[in-house]
């Protein structure tokens, strides 16, 4: 997802976000909130190893999200609006 380093996994996407060159609105939103912007800046100032550790932690947390399936969930026609 990062045209600057599409063959590597690194922090360059976050550098692009700060230059308002993010690909997704949800990613760009990270720079509009002082808490998330501070976290982005901390990642950029830290080591690559710290970024990998933070990324691994976030993937573990996302893995614990209970995904709704079958009749409990729905595929939305528009992501921001519940189907009627």
Protein backbone atom coordinates (compact mmCIF):
# COMPACT_ATOMS: atom_id res chain seq x y z
CA UNK A 1 0.00 0.00 0.00
CA UNK A 2 3.02 2.25 0.10
CA UNK A 3 4.32 3.47 -3.25
CA UNK A 4 7.54 4.72 -1.62
CA UNK A 5 8.59 1.32 -0.32
CA UNK A 6 6.22 -1.21 -1.78
CA UNK A 7 8.71 -4.06 -1.38
CA UNK A 8 9.49 -3.46 2.27
CA UNK A 9 7.54 -3.18 5.50
CA UNK A 10 8.66 -0.03 7.29
CA UNK A 11 7.59 3.34 8.65
CA UNK A 12 7.60 5.29 5.38
CA UNK A 13 3.81 5.14 5.05
CA UNK A 14 3.50 7.13 8.27
CA UNK A 15 5.93 9.72 6.94
CA UNK A 16 3.66 10.07 3.90
CA UNK A 17 0.64 10.48 6.18
CA UNK A 18 2.26 13.50 7.81
CA UNK A 19 2.71 14.97 4.32
CA UNK A 20 -1.01 14.34 3.65
CA UNK A 21 -0.24 11.61 1.11
CA UNK A 22 -2.06 8.69 2.72
CA UNK A 23 -4.01 6.33 0.52
CA UNK A 24 -7.01 5.85 2.79
CA UNK A 25 -9.17 8.38 4.59
CA UNK A 26 -9.11 6.15 7.68
CA UNK A 27 -5.31 6.33 7.77
CA UNK A 28 -5.27 10.07 7.17
CA UNK A 29 -7.63 10.43 10.12
CA UNK A 30 -4.71 9.38 12.34
CA UNK A 31 -3.27 12.84 11.80
CA UNK A 32 -6.45 14.77 12.73
CA UNK A 33 -6.62 13.64 16.37
CA UNK A 34 -3.96 14.84 18.82
CA UNK A 35 -3.72 11.44 20.57
CA UNK A 36 -3.25 9.40 17.41
CA UNK A 37 -0.99 12.04 15.85
CA UNK A 38 1.21 11.86 18.94
CA UNK A 39 1.36 8.06 18.58
CA UNK A 40 2.33 8.34 14.90
CA UNK A 41 5.11 10.77 15.82
CA UNK A 42 6.33 8.44 18.59
CA UNK A 43 6.50 5.58 16.09
CA UNK A 44 8.47 7.72 13.65
CA UNK A 45 10.92 8.81 16.34
CA UNK A 46 11.41 5.28 17.62
CA UNK A 47 13.25 2.32 16.20
CA UNK A 48 12.04 0.01 13.46
CA UNK A 49 12.11 -2.82 16.01
CA UNK A 50 9.69 -0.85 18.22
CA UNK A 51 7.39 -0.33 15.22
CA UNK A 52 7.41 -4.08 14.51
CA UNK A 53 6.57 -4.82 18.16
CA UNK A 54 3.71 -2.29 18.17
CA UNK A 55 2.42 -3.69 14.88
CA UNK A 56 2.53 -7.25 16.23
CA UNK A 57 0.60 -6.17 19.35
CA UNK A 58 -2.05 -4.48 17.21
CA UNK A 59 -2.45 -7.58 15.04
CA UNK A 60 -2.93 -9.73 18.15
CA UNK A 61 -5.60 -7.32 19.44
CA UNK A 62 -7.38 -7.32 16.08
CA UNK A 63 -7.32 -11.10 16.12
CA UNK A 64 -9.40 -11.02 19.31
CA UNK A 65 -12.20 -9.01 17.69
CA UNK A 66 -15.27 -11.18 17.36
CA UNK A 67 -16.27 -11.02 13.72
CA UNK A 68 -20.00 -11.29 13.14
CA UNK A 69 -20.88 -14.04 10.69
CA UNK A 70 -23.95 -15.69 9.27
CA UNK A 71 -27.26 -14.15 10.30
CA UNK A 72 -25.57 -12.08 13.04
CA UNK A 73 -23.50 -9.98 10.63
CA UNK A 74 -24.08 -8.26 7.34
CA UNK A 75 -22.15 -7.08 4.32
CA UNK A 76 -22.93 -3.40 4.01
CA UNK A 77 -23.75 -1.85 0.68
CA UNK A 78 -22.18 1.37 2.00
CA UNK A 79 -19.62 0.93 4.78
CA UNK A 80 -20.83 3.87 6.86
CA UNK A 81 -24.53 2.96 6.74
CA UNK A 82 -26.36 -0.03 8.19
CA UNK A 83 -28.40 -1.79 5.51
CA UNK A 84 -32.13 -1.09 5.75
